[in-house]
Amino acid sequence: MRVQTREIRAVYTEDTITVYQAYSAAIATAAVSAGRFVAPFKRDRMTWIKPSFLWMMYRSGWATKDGQEHVLAVELRRAGFDWARSRACLSHYDQRVHASAAAWQQELRTSPVRVQWDPERDLYLRPQADCRSLQLGLSGEAVHRYVDEWTVSITDVTAQAHEVHALVRAGDLEAAKALLPRERPYAL
């Protein structure tokens, strides 16, 4: 039996890390134009960020699902991303991590960040059983910090998503891989 590896793979520099989100045209266009999230983006909802490009492709159906037609690459300050990670609570109870279900529920109520580890995806968006990818759900204080302090730039990468998908459909996996963002392990 293989052990599932939890690993953050991302595009990052010394100061920034790129995460992905998918939105409707209205939210994405406004965000790209302003260089930050503005209305109709809603701060009162949990917003999920994903460092894995392929996991975002799975979630958005290669930027085709309703309300997820635009994939954004959001460059964040690493200090903000690390702040969020350090305050994250698992989105589910795990007896190996939590003293009790009640302790987890208390942490869940007070944490502005949720963490989920979901199967990483391959170019066909099939789950990779031996590798889990990070998703962070931001709410409350974390959303405000994300919008007002952490975001460095927002780029619409929908055309890239569609181009990679077209190459996968055509069976040209090497060309598809060449267009993927160069993600590498991010230290936990």
C-alpha atoms as a PDB file:
ATOM      1  CA  MET A   1       0.000   0.000   0.000  1.00  0.00           C
ATOM      2  CA  ARG A   2       1.364   3.423  -0.959  1.00  0.00           C
ATOM      3  CA  VAL A   3       1.237   6.256   1.536  1.00  0.00           C
ATOM      4  CA  GLN A   4      -0.583   9.330   0.314  1.00  0.00           C
ATOM      5  CA  THR A   5       1.752  12.296   0.182  1.00  0.00           C
ATOM      6  CA  ARG A   6       0.514  15.732   1.123  1.00  0.00           C
ATOM      7  CA  GLU A   7       2.571  18.200  -0.797  1.00  0.00           C
ATOM      8  CA  ILE A   8       2.043  21.762  -1.876  1.00  0.00           C
ATOM      9  CA  ARG A   9       3.293  22.167  -5.430  1.00  0.00           C
ATOM     10  CA  ALA A  10       3.184  25.703  -6.727  1.00  0.00           C
ATOM     11  CA  VAL A  11       4.732  28.383  -8.848  1.00  0.00           C
ATOM     12  CA  TYR A  12       6.545  30.669  -6.438  1.00  0.00           C
ATOM     13  CA  THR A  13       9.362  33.123  -6.006  1.00  0.00           C
ATOM     14  CA  GLU A  14      11.196  34.274  -2.920  1.00  0.00           C
ATOM     15  CA  ASP A  15       8.317  36.674  -2.157  1.00  0.00           C
ATOM     16  CA  THR A  16       5.201  35.343  -3.925  1.00  0.00           C
ATOM     17  CA  ILE A  17       3.188  32.194  -4.588  1.00  0.00           C
ATOM     18  CA  THR A  18       0.617  31.690  -7.347  1.00  0.00           C
ATOM     19  CA  VAL A  19      -2.783  30.186  -6.587  1.00  0.00           C
ATOM     20  CA  TYR A  20      -5.732  29.588  -8.886  1.00  0.00           C
ATOM     21  CA  GLN A  21      -9.424  30.353  -8.716  1.00  0.00           C
ATOM     22  CA  ALA A  22     -12.236  30.067 -11.253  1.00  0.00           C
ATOM     23  CA  TYR A  23     -15.004  32.624 -11.587  1.00  0.00           C
ATOM     24  CA  SER A  24     -17.738  33.917 -13.825  1.00  0.00           C
ATOM     25  CA  ALA A  25     -16.832  36.491 -16.471  1.00  0.00           C
ATOM     26  CA  ALA A  26     -18.251  39.328 -14.356  1.00  0.00           C
ATOM     27  CA  ILE A  27     -16.048  38.599 -11.332  1.00  0.00           C
ATOM     28  CA  ALA A  28     -12.943  37.676 -13.352  1.00  0.00           C
ATOM     29  CA  THR A  29     -13.078  40.658 -15.716  1.00  0.00           C
ATOM     30  CA  ALA A  30     -13.520  43.119 -12.858  1.00  0.00           C
ATOM     31  CA  ALA A  31     -10.687  41.544 -10.850  1.00  0.00           C
ATOM     32  CA  VAL A  32      -8.219  41.483 -13.754  1.00  0.00           C
ATOM     33  CA  SER A  33      -9.092  45.062 -14.689  1.00  0.00           C
ATOM     34  CA  ALA A  34      -8.686  46.350 -11.127  1.00  0.00           C
ATOM     35  CA  GLY A  35      -5.694  44.141 -10.283  1.00  0.00           C
ATOM     36  CA  ARG A  36      -7.506  42.991  -7.155  1.00  0.00           C
ATOM     37  CA  PHE A  37     -10.857  41.536  -6.201  1.00  0.00           C
ATOM     38  CA  VAL A  38     -13.691  44.060  -6.423  1.00  0.00           C
ATOM     39  CA  ALA A  39     -17.474  43.806  -6.778  1.00  0.00           C
ATOM     40  CA  PRO A  40     -19.183  41.615  -7.809  1.00  0.00           C
ATOM     41  CA  PHE A  41     -16.677  39.507  -5.782  1.00  0.00           C
ATOM     42  CA  LYS A  42     -18.220  38.918  -2.359  1.00  0.00           C
ATOM     43  CA  ARG A  43     -16.055  39.051   0.741  1.00  0.00           C
ATOM     44  CA  ASP A  44     -18.720  37.438   2.926  1.00  0.00           C
ATOM     45  CA  ARG A  45     -18.378  34.040   1.194  1.00  0.00           C
ATOM     46  CA  MET A  46     -15.614  31.508   1.678  1.00  0.00           C
ATOM     47  CA  THR A  47     -13.179  31.683  -1.220  1.00  0.00           C
ATOM     48  CA  TRP A  48     -11.046  28.640  -2.060  1.00  0.00           C
ATOM     49  CA  ILE A  49      -7.509  29.033  -3.391  1.00  0.00           C
ATOM     50  CA  LYS A  50      -5.557  26.214  -5.030  1.00  0.00           C
ATOM     51  CA  PRO A  51      -1.814  26.200  -5.811  1.00  0.00           C
ATOM     52  CA  SER A  52      -2.220  23.264  -8.244  1.00  0.00           C
ATOM     53  CA  PHE A  53      -3.094  24.267 -11.814  1.00  0.00           C
ATOM     54  CA  LEU A  54      -4.327  20.776 -12.732  1.00  0.00           C
ATOM     55  CA  TRP A  55      -6.478  20.537  -9.615  1.00  0.00           C
ATOM     56  CA  MET A  56      -8.066  23.829 -10.656  1.00  0.00           C
ATOM     57  CA  MET A  57      -8.641  22.398 -14.133  1.00  0.00           C
ATOM     58  CA  TYR A  58     -10.425  19.462 -12.539  1.00  0.00           C
ATOM     59  CA  ARG A  59     -12.540  21.734 -10.343  1.00  0.00           C
ATOM     60  CA  SER A  60     -13.498  24.071 -13.198  1.00  0.00           C
ATOM     61  CA  GLY A  61     -13.775  21.451 -15.943  1.00  0.00           C
ATOM     62  CA  TRP A  62     -11.016  23.174 -17.918  1.00  0.00           C
ATOM     63  CA  ALA A  63     -12.802  26.515 -17.361  1.00  0.00           C
ATOM     64  CA  THR A  64     -16.131  25.311 -18.763  1.00  0.00           C
ATOM     65  CA  LYS A  65     -18.348  24.831 -15.701  1.00  0.00           C
ATOM     66  CA  ASP A  66     -21.103  27.348 -15.077  1.00  0.00           C
ATOM     67  CA  GLY A  67     -19.745  30.259 -13.045  1.00  0.00           C
ATOM     68  CA  GLN A  68     -16.170  28.993 -13.510  1.00  0.00           C
ATOM     69  CA  GLU A  69     -15.558  29.977 -17.116  1.00  0.00           C
ATOM     70  CA  HIS A  70     -12.508  32.078 -16.245  1.00  0.00           C
ATOM     71  CA  VAL A  71      -9.457  30.747 -14.427  1.00  0.00           C
ATOM     72  CA  LEU A  72      -7.383  33.336 -12.639  1.00  0.00           C
ATOM     73  CA  ALA A  73      -3.760  33.006 -11.554  1.00  0.00           C
ATOM     74  CA  VAL A  74      -3.504  35.060  -8.387  1.00  0.00           C
ATOM     75  CA  GLU A  75      -0.016  35.979  -7.274  1.00  0.00           C
ATOM     76  CA  LEU A  76       0.046  36.343  -3.484  1.00  0.00           C
ATOM     77  CA  ARG A  77       2.593  37.469  -0.980  1.00  0.00           C
ATOM     78  CA  ARG A  78       4.105  34.344   0.551  1.00  0.00           C
ATOM     79  CA  ALA A  79       3.821  35.913   3.988  1.00  0.00           C
ATOM     80  CA  GLY A  80       0.047  36.046   3.538  1.00  0.00           C
ATOM     81  CA  PHE A  81      -0.180  32.499   2.208  1.00  0.00           C
ATOM     82  CA  ASP A  82       1.912  31.274   5.134  1.00  0.00           C
ATOM     83  CA  TRP A  83      -0.263  33.266   7.566  1.00  0.00           C
ATOM     84  CA  ALA A  84      -3.310  31.467   6.174  1.00  0.00           C
ATOM     85  CA  ARG A  85      -1.656  28.036   6.349  1.00  0.00           C
ATOM     86  CA  SER A  86      -0.625  28.599   9.950  1.00  0.00           C
ATOM     87  CA  ARG A  87      -4.216  29.407  10.959  1.00  0.00           C
ATOM     88  CA  ALA A  88      -5.910  26.675   8.948  1.00  0.00           C
ATOM     89  CA  CYS A  89      -8.262  24.109  10.402  1.00  0.00           C
ATOM     90  CA  LEU A  90      -8.984  20.829   8.650  1.00  0.00           C
ATOM     91  CA  SER A  91     -12.401  20.926   7.008  1.00  0.00           C
ATOM     92  CA  HIS A  92     -13.151  17.501   8.496  1.00  0.00           C
ATOM     93  CA  TYR A  93     -12.587  15.812  11.842  1.00  0.00           C
ATOM     94  CA  ASP A  94      -9.490  13.606  12.031  1.00  0.00           C
ATOM     95  CA  GLN A  95      -8.869  11.776  15.273  1.00  0.00           C
ATOM     96  CA  ARG A  96      -5.121  11.658  14.497  1.00  0.00           C
ATOM     97  CA  VAL A  97      -5.022  15.459  14.518  1.00  0.00           C
ATOM     98  CA  HIS A  98      -7.733  16.566  16.945  1.00  0.00           C
ATOM     99  CA  ALA A  99      -8.074  15.703  20.623  1.00  0.00           C
ATOM    100  CA  SER A 100     -11.813  15.226  20.128  1.00  0.00           C
ATOM    101  CA  ALA A 101     -14.652  16.021  17.753  1.00  0.00           C
ATOM    102  CA  ALA A 102     -15.651  18.844  20.089  1.00  0.00           C
ATOM    103  CA  ALA A 103     -12.131  20.321  19.964  1.00  0.00           C
ATOM    104  CA  TRP A 104     -12.214  20.190  16.161  1.00  0.00           C
ATOM    105  CA  GLN A 105     -15.650  21.869  16.088  1.00  0.00           C
ATOM    106  CA  GLN A 106     -14.333  24.668  18.318  1.00  0.00           C
ATOM    107  CA  GLU A 107     -11.306  25.154  16.063  1.00  0.00           C
ATOM    108  CA  LEU A 108     -13.574  25.127  13.010  1.00  0.00           C
ATOM    109  CA  ARG A 109     -15.751  27.878  14.511  1.00  0.00           C
ATOM    110  CA  THR A 110     -12.812  30.151  15.269  1.00  0.00           C
ATOM    111  CA  SER A 111     -10.454  29.582  12.338  1.00  0.00           C
ATOM    112  CA  PRO A 112     -10.682  31.955   9.349  1.00  0.00           C
ATOM    113  CA  VAL A 113      -9.088  29.292   7.118  1.00  0.00           C
ATOM    114  CA  ARG A 114     -10.088  25.739   6.140  1.00  0.00           C
ATOM    115  CA  VAL A 115      -7.688  23.229   4.667  1.00  0.00           C
ATOM    116  CA  GLN A 116      -8.522  20.272   2.460  1.00  0.00           C
ATOM    117  CA  TRP A 117      -6.144  17.784   0.917  1.00  0.00           C
ATOM    118  CA  ASP A 118      -7.654  16.432  -2.302  1.00  0.00           C
ATOM    119  CA  PRO A 119      -6.221  13.978  -4.840  1.00  0.00           C
ATOM    120  CA  GLU A 120      -3.860  15.656  -7.275  1.00  0.00           C
ATOM    121  CA  ARG A 121      -4.874  15.293 -10.937  1.00  0.00           C
ATOM    122  CA  ASP A 122      -3.064  14.243 -14.087  1.00  0.00           C
ATOM    123  CA  LEU A 123      -3.545  15.727 -17.561  1.00  0.00           C
ATOM    124  CA  TYR A 124      -6.684  13.626 -18.017  1.00  0.00           C
ATOM    125  CA  LEU A 125      -7.885  15.003 -14.644  1.00  0.00           C
ATOM    126  CA  ARG A 126      -7.799  11.521 -13.140  1.00  0.00           C
ATOM    127  CA  PRO A 127      -7.098  11.414  -9.390  1.00  0.00           C
ATOM    128  CA  GLN A 128      -3.560  10.515  -8.393  1.00  0.00           C
ATOM    129  CA  ALA A 129      -4.001   8.176  -5.436  1.00  0.00           C
ATOM    130  CA  ASP A 130      -0.528   8.712  -4.037  1.00  0.00           C
ATOM    131  CA  CYS A 131      -0.490  12.507  -3.957  1.00  0.00           C
ATOM    132  CA  ARG A 132      -2.792  15.041  -2.318  1.00  0.00           C
ATOM    133  CA  SER A 133      -3.045  18.735  -3.239  1.00  0.00           C
ATOM    134  CA  LEU A 134      -3.839  21.611  -0.951  1.00  0.00           C
ATOM    135  CA  GLN A 135      -6.938  23.778  -1.059  1.00  0.00           C
ATOM    136  CA  LEU A 136      -7.322  26.660   1.373  1.00  0.00           C
ATOM    137  CA  GLY A 137     -10.748  28.104   2.105  1.00  0.00           C
ATOM    138  CA  LEU A 138     -10.554  31.723   3.246  1.00  0.00           C
ATOM    139  CA  SER A 139     -13.296  33.396   5.257  1.00  0.00           C
ATOM    140  CA  GLY A 140     -13.694  36.429   7.492  1.00  0.00           C
ATOM    141  CA  GLU A 141     -10.381  38.086   8.322  1.00  0.00           C
ATOM    142  CA  ALA A 142      -8.514  35.865   5.857  1.00  0.00           C
ATOM    143  CA  VAL A 143     -10.645  37.018   2.890  1.00  0.00           C
ATOM    144  CA  HIS A 144     -10.095  40.674   3.809  1.00  0.00           C
ATOM    145  CA  ARG A 145      -6.336  40.128   4.063  1.00  0.00           C
ATOM    146  CA  TYR A 146      -6.359  38.190   0.776  1.00  0.00           C
ATOM    147  CA  VAL A 147      -8.105  41.021  -1.070  1.00  0.00           C
ATOM    148  CA  ASP A 148      -6.496  44.019   0.655  1.00  0.00           C
ATOM    149  CA  GLU A 149      -2.973  42.881   1.589  1.00  0.00           C
ATOM    150  CA  TRP A 150      -1.810  39.670  -0.037  1.00  0.00           C
ATOM    151  CA  THR A 151      -2.781  39.958  -3.706  1.00  0.00           C
ATOM    152  CA  VAL A 152       0.099  41.180  -5.864  1.00  0.00           C
ATOM    153  CA  SER A 153      -1.388  40.501  -9.317  1.00  0.00           C
ATOM    154  CA  ILE A 154      -4.273  38.723 -11.043  1.00  0.00           C
ATOM    155  CA  THR A 155      -3.942  37.205 -14.506  1.00  0.00           C
ATOM    156  CA  ASP A 156      -6.629  35.486 -16.562  1.00  0.00           C
ATOM    157  CA  VAL A 157      -5.145  32.147 -17.675  1.00  0.00           C
ATOM    158  CA  THR A 158      -8.308  30.799 -19.306  1.00  0.00           C
ATOM    159  CA  ALA A 159      -6.739  30.757 -22.788  1.00  0.00           C
ATOM    160  CA  GLN A 160      -3.840  28.698 -21.424  1.00  0.00           C
ATOM    161  CA  ALA A 161      -6.308  26.273 -19.802  1.00  0.00           C
ATOM    162  CA  HIS A 162      -8.191  25.862 -23.075  1.00  0.00           C
ATOM    163  CA  GLU A 163      -4.978  25.388 -25.062  1.00  0.00           C
ATOM    164  CA  VAL A 164      -3.680  22.704 -22.678  1.00  0.00           C
ATOM    165  CA  HIS A 165      -7.065  20.962 -22.780  1.00  0.00           C
ATOM    166  CA  ALA A 166      -7.122  21.015 -26.605  1.00  0.00           C
ATOM    167  CA  LEU A 167      -3.672  19.402 -26.685  1.00  0.00           C
ATOM    168  CA  VAL A 168      -4.779  16.723 -24.206  1.00  0.00           C
ATOM    169  CA  ARG A 169      -7.859  15.980 -26.337  1.00  0.00           C
ATOM    170  CA  ALA A 170      -5.615  15.748 -29.403  1.00  0.00           C
ATOM    171  CA  GLY A 171      -3.354  13.280 -27.587  1.00  0.00           C
ATOM    172  CA  ASP A 172      -0.309  15.576 -27.617  1.00  0.00           C
ATOM    173  CA  LEU A 173       0.583  15.171 -23.942  1.00  0.00           C
ATOM    174  CA  GLU A 174       4.170  16.375 -24.330  1.00  0.00           C
ATOM    175  CA  ALA A 175       3.012  19.686 -25.805  1.00  0.00           C
ATOM    176  CA  ALA A 176       0.328  19.944 -23.107  1.00  0.00           C
ATOM    177  CA  LYS A 177       2.924  19.354 -20.356  1.00  0.00           C
ATOM    178  CA  ALA A 178       5.155  22.036 -21.876  1.00  0.00           C
ATOM    179  CA  LEU A 179       2.374  24.605 -21.367  1.00  0.00           C
ATOM    180  CA  LEU A 180       1.735  23.744 -17.724  1.00  0.00           C
ATOM    181  CA  PRO A 181       2.962  26.148 -15.058  1.00  0.00           C
ATOM    182  CA  ARG A 182       6.308  25.029 -13.591  1.00  0.00           C
ATOM    183  CA  GLU A 183       5.132  23.953 -10.141  1.00  0.00           C
ATOM    184  CA  ARG A 184       7.631  22.700  -7.576  1.00  0.00           C
ATOM    185  CA  PRO A 185       7.346  21.574  -3.957  1.00  0.00           C
ATOM    186  CA  TYR A 186       6.655  24.382  -1.496  1.00  0.00           C
ATOM    187  CA  ALA A 187       8.090  23.809   1.968  1.00  0.00           C
ATOM    188  CA  LEU A 188       5.529  23.086   4.651  1.00  0.00           C
END
